[in-house]
Amino acid sequence: MFHTRLKELRESKNLTQKQLAEILNISRSSLSSYEVGTREPDFSMLMQIATFFNVNLDSLLSYNANPTTVSSEYSSINPDLYNDIESLSEESRNELHKYINLLKINEAYDNEKSTCNHNNIYKNGKSSS
């Protein structure tokens, strides 16, 4: 179930409810309600949670018999980063979140552009070597 999986993921990152709530820009009581199963997040929040933990929605909602585990790339994030985020004002955390989303969009664009260029090279029968 979602509430159990959310708690497992949070604990796997050694985060308190307060820390994760601040990262997700929600109240600690909302996060607590998600973890005990008295409230369900909306779709947007589910996507934000899945993105943060680097899992797909099936895994997050526990529909998958073999849930995706947290990527080692993300579990190696310096814990000081969480403390730095926690020390920011709410306004600064909101700005940081916007910046992170912008970085994700830029990376997706770069990946798409790279894929298109690669496909065009093979489509035209040309190689860059």
N, C-alpha and C. Protein backbone atom coordinates (compact mmCIF):
# COMPACT_ATOMS: atom_id res chain seq x y z
N MET A 1 0.83 -1.18 0.00
CA MET A 1 0.00 0.00 0.00
C MET A 1 0.88 1.25 0.00
N PHE A 2 0.32 2.32 -0.52
CA PHE A 2 1.08 3.56 -0.68
C PHE A 2 1.66 4.04 0.64
N HIS A 3 0.86 4.09 1.71
CA HIS A 3 1.35 4.68 2.95
C HIS A 3 2.56 3.92 3.50
N THR A 4 2.57 2.60 3.35
CA THR A 4 3.71 1.80 3.81
C THR A 4 4.93 2.05 2.95
N ARG A 5 4.71 2.11 1.64
CA ARG A 5 5.82 2.33 0.71
C ARG A 5 6.45 3.71 0.91
N LEU A 6 5.62 4.72 1.13
CA LEU A 6 6.14 6.07 1.36
C LEU A 6 7.05 6.10 2.59
N LYS A 7 6.59 5.47 3.66
CA LYS A 7 7.40 5.45 4.88
C LYS A 7 8.71 4.70 4.65
N GLU A 8 8.65 3.57 3.93
CA GLU A 8 9.86 2.81 3.63
C GLU A 8 10.86 3.66 2.84
N LEU A 9 10.37 4.36 1.84
CA LEU A 9 11.25 5.19 1.02
C LEU A 9 11.86 6.32 1.84
N ARG A 10 11.04 6.96 2.66
CA ARG A 10 11.55 8.06 3.50
C ARG A 10 12.64 7.55 4.43
N GLU A 11 12.37 6.43 5.08
CA GLU A 11 13.34 5.88 6.02
C GLU A 11 14.61 5.40 5.31
N SER A 12 14.46 4.92 4.07
CA SER A 12 15.65 4.47 3.33
C SER A 12 16.60 5.63 3.04
N LYS A 13 16.09 6.84 3.03
CA LYS A 13 16.92 8.04 2.82
C LYS A 13 17.33 8.69 4.13
N ASN A 14 16.96 8.04 5.25
CA ASN A 14 17.26 8.57 6.58
C ASN A 14 16.72 9.98 6.77
N LEU A 15 15.51 10.20 6.29
CA LEU A 15 14.86 11.50 6.43
C LEU A 15 13.79 11.44 7.50
N THR A 16 13.64 12.51 8.24
CA THR A 16 12.52 12.63 9.17
C THR A 16 11.30 13.07 8.37
N GLN A 17 10.13 12.95 8.98
CA GLN A 17 8.93 13.45 8.33
C GLN A 17 9.06 14.95 8.06
N LYS A 18 9.61 15.65 9.00
CA LYS A 18 9.77 17.10 8.85
C LYS A 18 10.65 17.43 7.65
N GLN A 19 11.78 16.71 7.51
CA GLN A 19 12.70 16.98 6.40
C GLN A 19 12.03 16.71 5.06
N LEU A 20 11.37 15.55 4.94
CA LEU A 20 10.73 15.22 3.67
C LEU A 20 9.58 16.18 3.38
N ALA A 21 8.82 16.54 4.39
CA ALA A 21 7.72 17.49 4.19
C ALA A 21 8.25 18.82 3.64
N GLU A 22 9.37 19.27 4.17
CA GLU A 22 9.95 20.53 3.69
C GLU A 22 10.45 20.40 2.25
N ILE A 23 11.04 19.27 1.94
CA ILE A 23 11.52 19.03 0.57
C ILE A 23 10.34 19.04 -0.40
N LEU A 24 9.22 18.43 0.02
CA LEU A 24 8.03 18.35 -0.84
C LEU A 24 7.17 19.61 -0.76
N ASN A 25 7.53 20.51 0.14
CA ASN A 25 6.81 21.76 0.34
C ASN A 25 5.36 21.52 0.80
N ILE A 26 5.23 20.60 1.77
CA ILE A 26 3.94 20.33 2.39
C ILE A 26 4.15 20.35 3.90
N SER A 27 3.06 20.33 4.66
CA SER A 27 3.19 20.31 6.11
C SER A 27 3.58 18.92 6.60
N ARG A 28 4.22 18.87 7.75
CA ARG A 28 4.58 17.58 8.33
C ARG A 28 3.33 16.77 8.63
N SER A 29 2.25 17.44 9.04
CA SER A 29 1.01 16.71 9.36
C SER A 29 0.41 16.09 8.10
N SER A 30 0.55 16.74 6.94
CA SER A 30 0.07 16.14 5.69
C SER A 30 0.86 14.88 5.37
N LEU A 31 2.17 14.97 5.51
CA LEU A 31 3.01 13.81 5.25
C LEU A 31 2.67 12.68 6.22
N SER A 32 2.49 13.02 7.47
CA SER A 32 2.12 12.02 8.47
C SER A 32 0.80 11.34 8.10
N SER A 33 -0.15 12.13 7.63
CA SER A 33 -1.44 11.57 7.22
C SER A 33 -1.28 10.62 6.04
N TYR A 34 -0.37 10.95 5.11
CA TYR A 34 -0.10 10.04 4.00
C TYR A 34 0.48 8.73 4.50
N GLU A 35 1.41 8.84 5.46
CA GLU A 35 2.10 7.65 5.95
C GLU A 35 1.22 6.73 6.79
N VAL A 36 0.23 7.27 7.46
CA VAL A 36 -0.66 6.41 8.26
C VAL A 36 -1.90 6.00 7.47
N GLY A 37 -2.06 6.57 6.28
CA GLY A 37 -3.15 6.16 5.41
C GLY A 37 -4.47 6.86 5.62
N THR A 38 -4.47 7.98 6.35
CA THR A 38 -5.72 8.70 6.56
C THR A 38 -6.00 9.71 5.46
N ARG A 39 -4.99 10.03 4.66
CA ARG A 39 -5.14 10.94 3.51
C ARG A 39 -4.35 10.38 2.34
N GLU A 40 -4.80 10.72 1.15
CA GLU A 40 -4.09 10.33 -0.07
C GLU A 40 -3.67 11.62 -0.79
N PRO A 41 -2.45 11.66 -1.31
CA PRO A 41 -2.01 12.84 -2.05
C PRO A 41 -2.69 12.91 -3.42
N ASP A 42 -2.76 14.12 -3.99
CA ASP A 42 -3.28 14.25 -5.34
C ASP A 42 -2.23 13.77 -6.34
N PHE A 43 -2.62 13.71 -7.60
CA PHE A 43 -1.72 13.17 -8.62
C PHE A 43 -0.42 13.96 -8.72
N SER A 44 -0.53 15.27 -8.65
CA SER A 44 0.66 16.12 -8.74
C SER A 44 1.65 15.79 -7.62
N MET A 45 1.14 15.61 -6.41
CA MET A 45 2.02 15.27 -5.28
C MET A 45 2.60 13.87 -5.45
N LEU A 46 1.80 12.93 -5.96
CA LEU A 46 2.32 11.58 -6.22
C LEU A 46 3.50 11.64 -7.19
N MET A 47 3.36 12.45 -8.23
CA MET A 47 4.45 12.59 -9.20
C MET A 47 5.68 13.22 -8.55
N GLN A 48 5.46 14.20 -7.70
CA GLN A 48 6.58 14.86 -7.03
C GLN A 48 7.30 13.87 -6.11
N ILE A 49 6.55 13.06 -5.39
CA ILE A 49 7.14 12.05 -4.50
C ILE A 49 7.91 11.02 -5.31
N ALA A 50 7.29 10.51 -6.37
CA ALA A 50 7.94 9.50 -7.21
C ALA A 50 9.23 10.06 -7.81
N THR A 51 9.19 11.29 -8.26
CA THR A 51 10.38 11.92 -8.84
C THR A 51 11.48 12.06 -7.80
N PHE A 52 11.11 12.52 -6.62
CA PHE A 52 12.13 12.70 -5.57
C PHE A 52 12.82 11.38 -5.24
N PHE A 53 12.03 10.30 -5.12
CA PHE A 53 12.60 9.01 -4.75
C PHE A 53 13.10 8.20 -5.95
N ASN A 54 12.94 8.76 -7.15
CA ASN A 54 13.39 8.08 -8.36
C ASN A 54 12.76 6.70 -8.52
N VAL A 55 11.45 6.65 -8.34
CA VAL A 55 10.69 5.41 -8.54
C VAL A 55 9.52 5.71 -9.48
N ASN A 56 8.99 4.66 -10.10
CA ASN A 56 7.82 4.88 -10.94
C ASN A 56 6.56 4.84 -10.07
N LEU A 57 5.44 5.26 -10.64
CA LEU A 57 4.20 5.32 -9.86
C LEU A 57 3.73 3.94 -9.42
N ASP A 58 3.92 2.93 -10.28
CA ASP A 58 3.54 1.57 -9.88
C ASP A 58 4.26 1.16 -8.61
N SER A 59 5.54 1.44 -8.57
CA SER A 59 6.33 1.11 -7.39
C SER A 59 5.87 1.91 -6.18
N LEU A 60 5.64 3.19 -6.39
CA LEU A 60 5.22 4.05 -5.28
C LEU A 60 3.87 3.60 -4.72
N LEU A 61 2.97 3.21 -5.60
CA LEU A 61 1.63 2.79 -5.18
C LEU A 61 1.58 1.32 -4.83
N SER A 62 2.72 0.63 -4.95
CA SER A 62 2.88 -0.78 -4.60
C SER A 62 2.03 -1.71 -5.45
N TYR A 63 1.78 -1.31 -6.71
CA TYR A 63 1.09 -2.21 -7.62
C TYR A 63 2.06 -3.22 -8.22
N ASN A 64 3.32 -2.91 -8.18
CA ASN A 64 4.36 -3.75 -8.74
C ASN A 64 4.81 -4.75 -7.69
N ALA A 65 4.84 -6.03 -8.05
CA ALA A 65 5.26 -7.07 -7.10
C ALA A 65 6.73 -6.92 -6.71
N ASN A 66 7.54 -6.37 -7.61
CA ASN A 66 8.96 -6.14 -7.34
C ASN A 66 9.23 -4.65 -7.41
N PRO A 67 8.92 -3.93 -6.33
CA PRO A 67 9.06 -2.48 -6.40
C PRO A 67 10.48 -2.05 -6.71
N THR A 68 10.57 -0.99 -7.47
CA THR A 68 11.86 -0.39 -7.80
C THR A 68 12.45 0.19 -6.53
N THR A 69 13.69 -0.10 -6.28
CA THR A 69 14.34 0.46 -5.11
C THR A 69 14.93 1.81 -5.44
N VAL A 70 15.29 2.52 -4.42
CA VAL A 70 15.89 3.83 -4.62
C VAL A 70 17.24 3.65 -5.30
N SER A 71 17.47 4.41 -6.32
CA SER A 71 18.71 4.35 -7.07
C SER A 71 19.89 4.70 -6.18
N SER A 72 20.98 3.97 -6.34
CA SER A 72 22.17 4.27 -5.54
C SER A 72 22.69 5.67 -5.83
N GLU A 73 22.42 6.15 -7.04
CA GLU A 73 22.84 7.51 -7.40
C GLU A 73 22.19 8.52 -6.46
N TYR A 74 20.91 8.32 -6.11
CA TYR A 74 20.21 9.26 -5.28
C TYR A 74 20.45 9.00 -3.79
N SER A 75 20.72 7.76 -3.42
CA SER A 75 20.95 7.49 -2.01
C SER A 75 22.32 8.00 -1.56
N SER A 76 23.16 8.38 -2.51
CA SER A 76 24.49 8.87 -2.15
C SER A 76 24.53 10.39 -2.05
N ILE A 77 23.37 11.03 -2.13
CA ILE A 77 23.34 12.49 -2.00
C ILE A 77 23.82 12.86 -0.61
N ASN A 78 24.65 13.85 -0.53
CA ASN A 78 25.21 14.31 0.73
C ASN A 78 24.09 14.73 1.68
N PRO A 79 24.03 14.14 2.87
CA PRO A 79 22.97 14.51 3.83
C PRO A 79 22.99 15.99 4.20
N ASP A 80 24.14 16.64 4.06
CA ASP A 80 24.21 18.08 4.34
C ASP A 80 23.29 18.87 3.42
N LEU A 81 23.04 18.32 2.23
CA LEU A 81 22.14 18.99 1.30
C LEU A 81 20.75 19.14 1.91
N TYR A 82 20.28 18.12 2.59
CA TYR A 82 18.97 18.20 3.23
C TYR A 82 18.97 19.27 4.33
N ASN A 83 20.05 19.33 5.07
CA ASN A 83 20.15 20.36 6.12
C ASN A 83 20.19 21.75 5.51
N ASP A 84 20.90 21.88 4.39
CA ASP A 84 20.95 23.18 3.71
C ASP A 84 19.56 23.60 3.25
N ILE A 85 18.84 22.66 2.68
CA ILE A 85 17.48 22.96 2.21
C ILE A 85 16.59 23.32 3.39
N GLU A 86 16.73 22.57 4.46
CA GLU A 86 15.91 22.81 5.65
C GLU A 86 16.16 24.20 6.23
N SER A 87 17.38 24.69 6.12
CA SER A 87 17.71 25.99 6.71
C SER A 87 17.21 27.17 5.87
N LEU A 88 16.77 26.90 4.64
CA LEU A 88 16.28 27.97 3.78
C LEU A 88 14.88 28.43 4.20
N SER A 89 14.57 29.65 3.87
CA SER A 89 13.22 30.15 4.10
C SER A 89 12.27 29.42 3.15
N GLU A 90 10.99 29.48 3.45
CA GLU A 90 10.00 28.83 2.58
C GLU A 90 10.07 29.41 1.17
N GLU A 91 10.24 30.72 1.07
CA GLU A 91 10.33 31.36 -0.24
C GLU A 91 11.55 30.85 -1.01
N SER A 92 12.67 30.72 -0.33
CA SER A 92 13.87 30.22 -0.99
C SER A 92 13.71 28.76 -1.40
N ARG A 93 13.05 27.95 -0.57
CA ARG A 93 12.80 26.55 -0.94
C ARG A 93 11.91 26.47 -2.18
N ASN A 94 10.93 27.36 -2.26
CA ASN A 94 10.06 27.39 -3.44
C ASN A 94 10.86 27.76 -4.68
N GLU A 95 11.76 28.72 -4.55
CA GLU A 95 12.61 29.12 -5.67
C GLU A 95 13.55 27.98 -6.06
N LEU A 96 14.10 27.29 -5.07
CA LEU A 96 14.97 26.15 -5.34
C LEU A 96 14.20 25.06 -6.09
N HIS A 97 12.98 24.81 -5.68
CA HIS A 97 12.15 23.80 -6.34
C HIS A 97 11.91 24.18 -7.80
N LYS A 98 11.64 25.46 -8.05
CA LYS A 98 11.44 25.93 -9.43
C LYS A 98 12.73 25.72 -10.24
N TYR A 99 13.86 26.02 -9.63
CA TYR A 99 15.13 25.86 -10.32
C TYR A 99 15.40 24.38 -10.64
N ILE A 100 15.11 23.50 -9.70
CA ILE A 100 15.30 22.07 -9.93
C ILE A 100 14.41 21.61 -11.09
N ASN A 101 13.17 22.07 -11.12
CA ASN A 101 12.28 21.71 -12.22
C ASN A 101 12.82 22.22 -13.55
N LEU A 102 13.38 23.42 -13.55
CA LEU A 102 13.98 23.97 -14.77
C LEU A 102 15.16 23.10 -15.22
N LEU A 103 15.98 22.67 -14.28
CA LEU A 103 17.10 21.79 -14.63
C LEU A 103 16.61 20.49 -15.25
N LYS A 104 15.54 19.93 -14.70
CA LYS A 104 14.97 18.70 -15.25
C LYS A 104 14.48 18.91 -16.67
N ILE A 105 13.81 20.03 -16.91
CA ILE A 105 13.32 20.34 -18.25
C ILE A 105 14.49 20.49 -19.21
N ASN A 106 15.54 21.19 -18.79
CA ASN A 106 16.73 21.37 -19.63
C ASN A 106 17.39 20.03 -19.95
N GLU A 107 17.49 19.16 -18.96
CA GLU A 107 18.10 17.85 -19.20
C GLU A 107 17.25 17.03 -20.15
N ALA A 108 15.93 17.06 -19.98
CA ALA A 108 15.04 16.32 -20.87
C ALA A 108 15.17 16.85 -22.30
N TYR A 109 15.25 18.17 -22.43
CA TYR A 109 15.42 18.78 -23.75
C TYR A 109 16.74 18.36 -24.38
N ASP A 110 17.82 18.41 -23.60
CA ASP A 110 19.13 18.01 -24.11
C ASP A 110 19.13 16.54 -24.53
N ASN A 111 18.49 15.69 -23.73
CA ASN A 111 18.42 14.27 -24.07
C ASN A 111 17.62 14.05 -25.34
N GLU A 112 16.51 14.77 -25.48
CA GLU A 112 15.68 14.66 -26.67
C GLU A 112 16.44 15.16 -27.90
N LYS A 113 17.13 16.28 -27.74
CA LYS A 113 17.91 16.86 -28.83
C LYS A 113 19.02 15.89 -29.26
N SER A 114 19.68 15.28 -28.30
CA SER A 114 20.74 14.33 -28.58
C SER A 114 20.20 13.12 -29.32
N THR A 115 19.05 12.63 -28.89
CA THR A 115 18.42 11.47 -29.54
C THR A 115 18.04 11.81 -30.98
N CYS A 116 17.47 13.00 -31.19
CA CYS A 116 17.09 13.43 -32.54
C CYS A 116 18.30 13.53 -33.44
N ASN A 117 19.39 14.13 -32.95
CA ASN A 117 20.62 14.27 -33.74
C ASN A 117 21.18 12.89 -34.09
N HIS A 118 21.15 11.99 -33.14
CA HIS A 118 21.65 10.64 -33.35
C HIS A 118 20.82 9.93 -34.42
N ASN A 119 19.49 10.06 -34.32
CA ASN A 119 18.61 9.43 -35.31
C ASN A 119 18.80 10.03 -36.69
N ASN A 120 19.02 11.35 -36.77
CA ASN A 120 19.23 12.00 -38.07
C ASN A 120 20.52 11.54 -38.72
N ILE A 121 21.55 11.29 -37.94
CA ILE A 121 22.83 10.81 -38.49
C ILE A 121 22.61 9.47 -39.18
N TYR A 122 21.90 8.56 -38.52
CA TYR A 122 21.67 7.25 -39.09
C TYR A 122 20.66 7.30 -40.22
N LYS A 123 19.67 8.18 -40.10
CA LYS A 123 18.65 8.32 -41.14
C LYS A 123 19.28 8.82 -42.45
N ASN A 124 20.20 9.74 -42.33
CA ASN A 124 20.85 10.31 -43.51
C ASN A 124 22.05 9.48 -43.98
N GLY A 125 22.38 8.44 -43.24
CA GLY A 125 23.50 7.59 -43.63
C GLY A 125 24.85 8.23 -43.42
N LYS A 126 24.89 9.24 -42.56
CA LYS A 126 26.15 9.94 -42.30
C LYS A 126 26.63 9.59 -40.91
N SER A 127 27.90 9.61 -40.74
CA SER A 127 28.50 9.40 -39.44
C SER A 127 29.38 10.61 -39.12
N SER A 128 29.40 10.94 -37.83
CA SER A 128 30.23 12.09 -37.44
C SER A 128 31.68 11.73 -37.24
N SER A 129 32.05 10.44 -37.42
CA SER A 129 33.44 10.06 -37.22
C SER A 129 34.28 10.33 -38.42
